[in-house]
Protein backbone atom coordinates (compact mmCIF):
# COMPACT_ATOMS: atom_id res chain seq x y z
CA UNK A 1 -44.97 -13.58 21.03
CA UNK A 2 -42.95 -10.80 21.54
CA UNK A 3 -44.32 -7.79 23.86
CA UNK A 4 -44.22 -4.18 22.78
CA UNK A 5 -44.53 -1.25 25.30
CA UNK A 6 -44.40 2.20 25.34
CA UNK A 7 -41.79 4.33 27.82
CA UNK A 8 -42.12 7.59 28.08
CA UNK A 9 -43.48 9.88 25.49
CA UNK A 10 -41.27 9.12 23.03
CA UNK A 11 -40.00 5.59 23.31
CA UNK A 12 -41.14 1.74 22.92
CA UNK A 13 -39.26 -1.47 23.91
CA UNK A 14 -39.74 -4.13 22.34
CA UNK A 15 -39.25 -7.22 24.37
CA UNK A 16 -38.64 -10.99 22.79
CA UNK A 17 -39.31 -14.11 25.32
CA UNK A 18 -38.28 -17.84 24.70
CA UNK A 19 -37.76 -20.66 25.67
CA UNK A 20 -33.60 -22.14 25.35
CA UNK A 21 -32.75 -18.02 24.92
CA UNK A 22 -32.32 -15.23 27.37
CA UNK A 23 -35.14 -12.70 27.34
CA UNK A 24 -34.34 -9.99 24.49
CA UNK A 25 -34.89 -6.65 24.67
CA UNK A 26 -34.15 -3.42 22.75
CA UNK A 27 -36.00 0.16 22.27
CA UNK A 28 -36.78 2.13 19.81
CA UNK A 29 -38.01 5.84 18.81
CA UNK A 30 -40.80 4.64 16.43
CA UNK A 31 -43.19 1.08 17.51
CA UNK A 32 -42.88 0.23 14.04
CA UNK A 33 -39.15 0.38 13.81
CA UNK A 34 -39.63 -1.77 17.39
CA UNK A 35 -42.01 -4.64 16.19
CA UNK A 36 -40.00 -5.11 12.70
CA UNK A 37 -36.77 -5.29 14.96
CA UNK A 38 -38.37 -8.33 16.99
CA UNK A 39 -40.38 -9.83 14.11
CA UNK A 40 -36.62 -10.84 13.61
CA UNK A 41 -35.31 -11.67 16.96
CA UNK A 42 -38.30 -14.18 16.28
CA UNK A 43 -37.53 -15.64 13.02
CA UNK A 44 -33.84 -15.63 13.69
CA UNK A 45 -34.93 -17.74 16.90
CA UNK A 46 -37.56 -20.49 15.00
CA UNK A 47 -34.48 -21.09 12.21
CA UNK A 48 -31.95 -21.20 14.94
CA UNK A 49 -29.70 -18.86 14.11
CA UNK A 50 -30.25 -16.08 16.27
CA UNK A 51 -27.15 -14.35 18.30
CA UNK A 52 -28.02 -11.82 20.76
CA UNK A 53 -26.21 -8.25 19.16
CA UNK A 54 -26.46 -6.63 22.37
CA UNK A 55 -21.98 -6.85 23.38
CA UNK A 56 -21.61 -5.95 19.74
CA UNK A 57 -23.53 -3.45 19.78
CA UNK A 58 -21.84 -1.54 22.97
CA UNK A 59 -18.19 -2.07 21.87
CA UNK A 60 -16.10 -0.32 19.76
CA UNK A 61 -13.75 -1.16 17.12
CA UNK A 62 -11.36 1.05 19.62
CA UNK A 63 -12.08 -0.96 22.34
CA UNK A 64 -11.27 -4.46 20.25
CA UNK A 65 -8.20 -3.09 19.00
CA UNK A 66 -6.96 -1.95 22.69
CA UNK A 67 -8.19 -5.34 24.29
CA UNK A 68 -5.31 -7.06 21.04
CA UNK A 69 -2.61 -4.36 21.81
CA UNK A 70 -2.88 -5.80 25.78
CA UNK A 71 -3.39 -9.65 25.85
CA UNK A 72 -2.74 -10.36 21.69
CA UNK A 73 0.20 -8.29 20.19
CA UNK A 74 2.85 -8.83 22.73
CA UNK A 75 2.86 -12.34 21.97
CA UNK A 76 3.38 -11.43 17.39
CA UNK A 77 6.38 -10.91 16.21
CA UNK A 78 5.91 -8.89 13.62
CA UNK A 79 6.49 -5.36 13.77
CA UNK A 80 3.69 -3.94 11.49
CA UNK A 81 0.92 -4.80 13.31
CA UNK A 82 1.45 -1.65 15.46
CA UNK A 83 1.06 0.35 13.15
CA UNK A 84 -2.02 -1.52 11.18
CA UNK A 85 -3.38 -1.48 15.02
CA UNK A 86 -3.61 2.58 14.38
CA UNK A 87 -4.43 2.64 11.35
CA UNK A 88 -7.83 0.65 11.64
CA UNK A 89 -8.36 2.74 15.07
CA UNK A 90 -8.17 5.57 12.95
CA UNK A 91 -10.62 4.16 9.85
CA UNK A 92 -12.87 2.41 12.54
CA UNK A 93 -11.79 3.07 16.05
CA UNK A 94 -15.52 5.20 16.63
CA UNK A 95 -17.81 2.17 15.46
CA UNK A 96 -19.45 -0.20 17.26
CA UNK A 97 -18.39 -4.00 16.01
CA UNK A 98 -22.58 -4.24 14.90
CA UNK A 99 -22.35 -0.76 13.02
CA UNK A 100 -19.44 -2.60 10.80
CA UNK A 101 -20.70 -3.42 7.30
CA UNK A 102 -19.19 -4.02 4.16
CA UNK A 103 -19.86 -1.00 2.35
CA UNK A 104 -17.84 0.18 5.50
CA UNK A 105 -14.99 -1.45 5.32
CA UNK A 106 -15.16 -1.10 0.79
CA UNK A 107 -14.99 2.53 1.52
CA UNK A 108 -11.75 2.23 3.72
CA UNK A 109 -10.53 0.31 1.32
CA UNK A 110 -10.72 2.95 -1.96
CA UNK A 111 -10.02 6.24 0.50
CA UNK A 112 -6.74 3.30 1.60
CA UNK A 113 -5.98 2.29 -1.80
CA UNK A 114 -5.04 6.38 -2.56
CA UNK A 115 -2.29 6.36 -0.21
CA UNK A 116 -0.70 3.16 0.25
CA UNK A 117 -0.18 -0.35 -1.13
CA UNK A 118 -2.65 -2.97 -2.63
CA UNK A 119 -0.34 -5.39 -0.43
CA UNK A 120 -0.62 -2.68 2.81
CA UNK A 121 -4.55 -2.34 2.77
CA UNK A 122 -4.21 -6.41 2.48
CA UNK A 123 -2.49 -6.56 5.67
CA UNK A 124 -5.24 -4.11 7.24
CA UNK A 125 -8.34 -5.78 6.30
CA UNK A 126 -6.71 -8.93 7.25
CA UNK A 127 -5.98 -7.56 10.61
CA UNK A 128 -10.28 -6.27 11.09
CA UNK A 129 -11.32 -9.83 9.95
CA UNK A 130 -8.92 -11.40 12.55
CA UNK A 131 -10.00 -9.11 15.14
CA UNK A 132 -13.38 -9.67 14.28
CA UNK A 133 -13.09 -13.33 14.57
CA UNK A 134 -11.33 -13.45 18.05
CA UNK A 135 -13.98 -11.74 19.09
CA UNK A 136 -16.26 -13.64 18.26
CA UNK A 137 -14.96 -17.22 19.33
CA UNK A 138 -12.57 -16.30 22.43
CA UNK A 139 -13.97 -12.85 23.88
CA UNK A 140 -17.89 -14.03 23.74
CA UNK A 141 -18.84 -10.52 21.60
CA UNK A 142 -20.15 -12.46 18.06
CA UNK A 143 -21.77 -11.20 14.87
CA UNK A 144 -23.48 -13.08 12.38
CA UNK A 145 -21.26 -13.16 9.73
CA UNK A 146 -17.83 -11.48 9.55
CA UNK A 147 -18.12 -8.45 6.67
CA UNK A 148 -14.51 -8.63 5.75
CA UNK A 149 -15.70 -11.41 4.43
CA UNK A 150 -18.07 -10.17 1.79
CA UNK A 151 -15.47 -7.36 0.93
CA UNK A 152 -13.07 -8.24 -2.25
CA UNK A 153 -9.18 -7.62 -0.97
CA UNK A 154 -6.81 -5.39 -3.34
CA UNK A 155 -4.76 -7.80 -5.27
CA UNK A 156 -0.93 -7.44 -4.77
CA UNK A 157 1.97 -8.89 -7.07
CA UNK A 158 4.88 -6.78 -5.02
CA UNK A 159 7.17 -10.40 -5.28
CA UNK A 160 10.44 -8.93 -5.41
CA UNK A 161 13.61 -10.35 -7.87
CA UNK A 162 16.29 -7.97 -6.48
CA UNK A 163 19.50 -9.68 -6.30
CA UNK A 164 23.02 -8.28 -5.88
CA UNK A 165 24.48 -7.08 -8.83
CA UNK A 166 28.21 -6.95 -10.52
CA UNK A 167 30.70 -5.65 -7.52
CA UNK A 168 27.73 -3.87 -5.41
CA UNK A 169 28.43 -6.78 -2.34
CA UNK A 170 31.95 -5.37 -2.75
CA UNK A 171 30.84 -1.83 -2.64
CA UNK A 172 28.58 -2.56 0.06
CA UNK A 173 31.33 -4.42 2.61
CA UNK A 174 33.40 -1.31 1.85
CA UNK A 175 31.17 0.78 3.65
CA UNK A 176 30.06 -1.29 6.27
CA UNK A 177 31.41 -1.54 10.26
CA UNK A 178 33.14 -4.66 11.02
CA UNK A 179 30.16 -6.58 12.16
CA UNK A 180 27.94 -5.39 9.40
CA UNK A 181 30.45 -6.83 7.88
CA UNK A 182 29.50 -9.76 9.92
CA UNK A 183 25.96 -10.32 9.74
CA UNK A 184 25.70 -8.99 5.26
CA UNK A 185 27.87 -12.32 5.30
CA UNK A 186 26.40 -14.87 7.42
CA UNK A 187 22.68 -13.69 5.51
CA UNK A 188 24.16 -14.52 2.82
CA UNK A 189 26.05 -17.73 3.31
CA UNK A 190 22.35 -18.82 5.68
CA UNK A 191 19.86 -17.18 4.15
CA UNK A 192 18.85 -15.91 7.94
CA UNK A 193 15.87 -13.72 8.31
CA UNK A 194 17.38 -10.44 9.88
CA UNK A 195 15.17 -11.00 13.07
CA UNK A 196 16.45 -15.03 13.37
CA UNK A 197 19.95 -13.15 13.09
CA UNK A 198 19.60 -10.32 15.53
CA UNK A 199 18.40 -12.83 18.16
CA UNK A 200 20.83 -15.31 17.57
CA UNK A 201 22.76 -15.93 21.23
CA UNK A 202 26.19 -17.65 21.40
CA UNK A 203 24.34 -20.61 22.91
CA UNK A 204 22.30 -21.66 19.76
CA UNK A 205 25.87 -21.81 18.07
CA UNK A 206 27.95 -24.83 17.72
CA UNK A 207 30.49 -24.74 15.49
CA UNK A 208 32.04 -28.17 16.26
CA UNK A 209 29.12 -29.65 14.17
CA UNK A 210 28.66 -26.80 11.88
CA UNK A 211 25.07 -25.34 12.92
CA UNK A 212 22.53 -22.44 13.91
CA UNK A 213 19.07 -22.67 16.23
CA UNK A 214 17.40 -19.77 14.38
CA UNK A 215 14.94 -18.52 17.10
CA UNK A 216 11.70 -16.53 17.54
CA UNK A 217 12.83 -12.37 18.53
CA UNK A 218 12.63 -13.06 22.28
CA UNK A 219 9.99 -10.55 24.31
CA UNK A 220 10.83 -7.41 26.93
CA UNK A 221 9.57 -10.20 29.09
CA UNK A 222 11.90 -12.76 28.63
CA UNK A 223 10.59 -15.22 26.49
CA UNK A 224 10.93 -16.31 23.37
CA UNK A 225 8.38 -15.82 20.32
CA UNK A 226 7.96 -18.52 17.50
CA UNK A 227 9.50 -18.39 14.67
CA UNK A 228 8.05 -16.63 11.18
CA UNK A 229 6.72 -20.53 10.93
CA UNK A 230 5.78 -21.00 14.37
CA UNK A 231 8.52 -23.87 15.29
CA UNK A 232 10.30 -22.83 18.43
CA UNK A 233 13.12 -22.96 16.31
CA UNK A 234 14.80 -24.44 12.85
CA UNK A 235 18.31 -25.87 12.67
CA UNK A 236 20.51 -23.69 10.05
CA UNK A 237 23.53 -26.00 8.58
CA UNK A 238 26.96 -23.43 8.86
CA UNK A 239 29.62 -23.03 5.24
CA UNK A 240 33.16 -23.53 5.81
CA UNK A 241 32.28 -19.07 4.94
CA UNK A 242 29.42 -18.88 7.78
CA UNK A 243 31.97 -20.34 10.22
CA UNK A 244 34.88 -18.26 9.56
CA UNK A 245 32.62 -15.01 9.65
CA UNK A 246 31.52 -16.79 13.56
CA UNK A 247 34.65 -17.86 14.87
CA UNK A 248 35.76 -13.99 13.81
CA UNK A 249 32.94 -12.59 15.80
CA UNK A 250 33.81 -15.29 18.85
CA UNK A 251 37.22 -14.04 19.24
CA UNK A 252 35.96 -10.75 20.16
CA UNK A 253 34.82 -9.52 23.29
CA UNK A 254 31.61 -10.90 23.89
CA UNK A 255 27.93 -9.41 25.22
CA UNK A 256 26.72 -10.13 28.90
CA UNK A 257 23.50 -11.18 26.69
CA UNK A 258 24.47 -13.74 24.71
CA UNK A 259 23.68 -12.37 21.31
CA UNK A 260 26.11 -12.50 18.83
CA UNK A 261 24.39 -9.32 17.05
CA UNK A 262 24.55 -7.26 20.45
CA UNK A 263 25.19 -4.11 18.47
CA UNK A 264 21.72 -3.57 17.28
CA UNK A 265 18.85 -4.14 20.06
CA UNK A 266 15.80 -4.16 16.97
CA UNK A 267 14.91 -4.32 13.99
CA UNK A 268 14.52 -0.82 13.22
CA UNK A 269 18.10 0.51 15.04
CA UNK A 270 19.51 -1.74 12.40
CA UNK A 271 17.41 -0.45 9.53
CA UNK A 272 18.65 2.83 10.30
CA UNK A 273 22.23 1.29 9.87
CA UNK A 274 21.36 -0.40 6.92
CA UNK A 275 20.09 2.43 4.67
CA UNK A 276 23.46 4.64 5.95
CA UNK A 277 25.75 1.87 4.24
CA UNK A 278 23.94 1.39 0.97
CA UNK A 279 23.58 4.89 0.64
CA UNK A 280 27.42 5.67 1.17
CA UNK A 281 28.19 2.58 -1.09
CA UNK A 282 25.71 4.35 -4.09
CA UNK A 283 23.37 0.77 -4.10
CA UNK A 284 19.26 1.83 -4.57
CA UNK A 285 16.56 -0.14 -3.82
CA UNK A 286 18.20 -3.04 -1.66
CA UNK A 287 16.77 -4.32 1.32
CA UNK A 288 18.20 -6.63 3.67
CA UNK A 289 16.23 -9.01 3.10
CA UNK A 290 17.06 -9.09 -0.39
CA UNK A 291 20.19 -11.18 0.69
CA UNK A 292 17.78 -13.84 1.41
CA UNK A 293 16.45 -14.03 -1.80
CA UNK A 294 20.67 -14.03 -3.28
CA UNK A 295 21.45 -16.50 -0.30
CA UNK A 296 18.31 -19.13 -1.24
CA UNK A 297 19.53 -18.34 -5.32
CA UNK A 298 22.77 -19.03 -4.70
CA UNK A 299 21.72 -21.75 -2.77
CA UNK A 300 20.49 -23.54 -5.93
CA UNK A 301 23.22 -22.19 -8.32
CA UNK A 302 25.98 -24.03 -6.71
CA UNK A 303 23.46 -27.73 -7.67
CA UNK A 304 24.55 -29.84 -5.12
CA UNK A 305 21.07 -29.43 -3.24
CA UNK A 306 17.82 -29.87 -4.54
CA UNK A 307 14.44 -28.43 -3.12
CA UNK A 308 14.02 -30.57 -0.47
CA UNK A 309 17.05 -29.73 0.46
CA UNK A 310 17.07 -25.79 0.30
CA UNK A 311 14.02 -25.91 1.86
CA UNK A 312 15.72 -27.47 4.95
CA UNK A 313 18.23 -25.19 4.99
CA UNK A 314 16.03 -21.52 4.23
CA UNK A 315 12.83 -23.02 6.46
CA UNK A 316 10.46 -22.24 3.35
CA UNK A 317 7.19 -24.45 4.67
CA UNK A 318 6.18 -25.27 1.03
CA UNK A 319 8.13 -25.26 -2.57
CA UNK A 320 5.99 -22.78 -3.80
CA UNK A 321 7.06 -20.10 -1.45
CA UNK A 322 10.37 -21.62 -2.06
CA UNK A 323 10.24 -20.43 -5.88
CA UNK A 324 8.65 -16.88 -4.86
CA UNK A 325 12.29 -16.77 -2.94
CA UNK A 326 14.12 -17.49 -5.77
CA UNK A 327 15.49 -16.04 -8.81
CA UNK A 328 18.24 -17.52 -10.46
CA UNK A 329 20.32 -15.23 -12.86
CA UNK A 330 19.35 -16.56 -16.68
CA UNK A 331 22.98 -16.54 -18.01
CA UNK A 332 24.01 -19.29 -15.35
CA UNK A 333 21.04 -21.16 -17.07
CA UNK A 334 21.89 -20.75 -20.14
CA UNK A 335 24.91 -21.50 -19.25
CA UNK A 336 24.06 -25.46 -18.33
CA UNK A 337 21.78 -25.47 -21.36
CA UNK A 338 25.06 -25.55 -23.49
């Protein structure tokens, strides 16, 4: 049976003692609130589902985000996470973890949808959910249930089908510096991601065997992140055209860092160069990642690889993802029909 005692002139303290559980206590302004809280605690203890909330009540979402930035973020390769953490801090930072509710999160979702895309909102809600799970599983700040699980995510269908149109590649290359030409051609020949190309080192290029190893982005402390698919590396076969690009680059002065494309430190500096080149070429709505789509589609259009072989080259883990990144031209398929 819980003990309810008066504290001072205006407060009431509820104390619950139960074998097998640490003592639980909480102070309220009204006796009825103290009695209701103690009944809830005892009922959950009887059912074996009680979970202490003191840490969740003392810890704010801002505290979780700060710890995530220190302990987890340095090992992540996705550039969007830092911005998403800032957005979540703006929306929920002042709230205690225990104060998060499905209604509060749904209100945040609806407000965000007025300013950013559904896919961005899905990313942010997914990150918030992972923060809450991490707090409970590894940081000793559990909630009885993750409130994000009770909030519907906005529907997002932002898969792109952008491919290079007639003469676009020639126009683009005409406006590129020699190293930008090289990275564009290598992307189309290998279907490699931008991060994989920017982190590529000559030590991972074997022109004799016609293979290059794509690894994760190198962190500031010199350690390597894993690839996007959580592998230490993946081997990419090189076409004759890809070998020619790399041979030309190898004939030029090599950076002390050993990186092939040392001209760009990170993807954000590269993207500025990319946008300027597309603008000069008069090409709209073309992202560098679209070259991965282009390369994957071209592999199928050659007609010499099956789906598993293409997936082996591109690094797609599932055929569903491979299909999403493949956009075959209808006119080419029509010619095959005869």
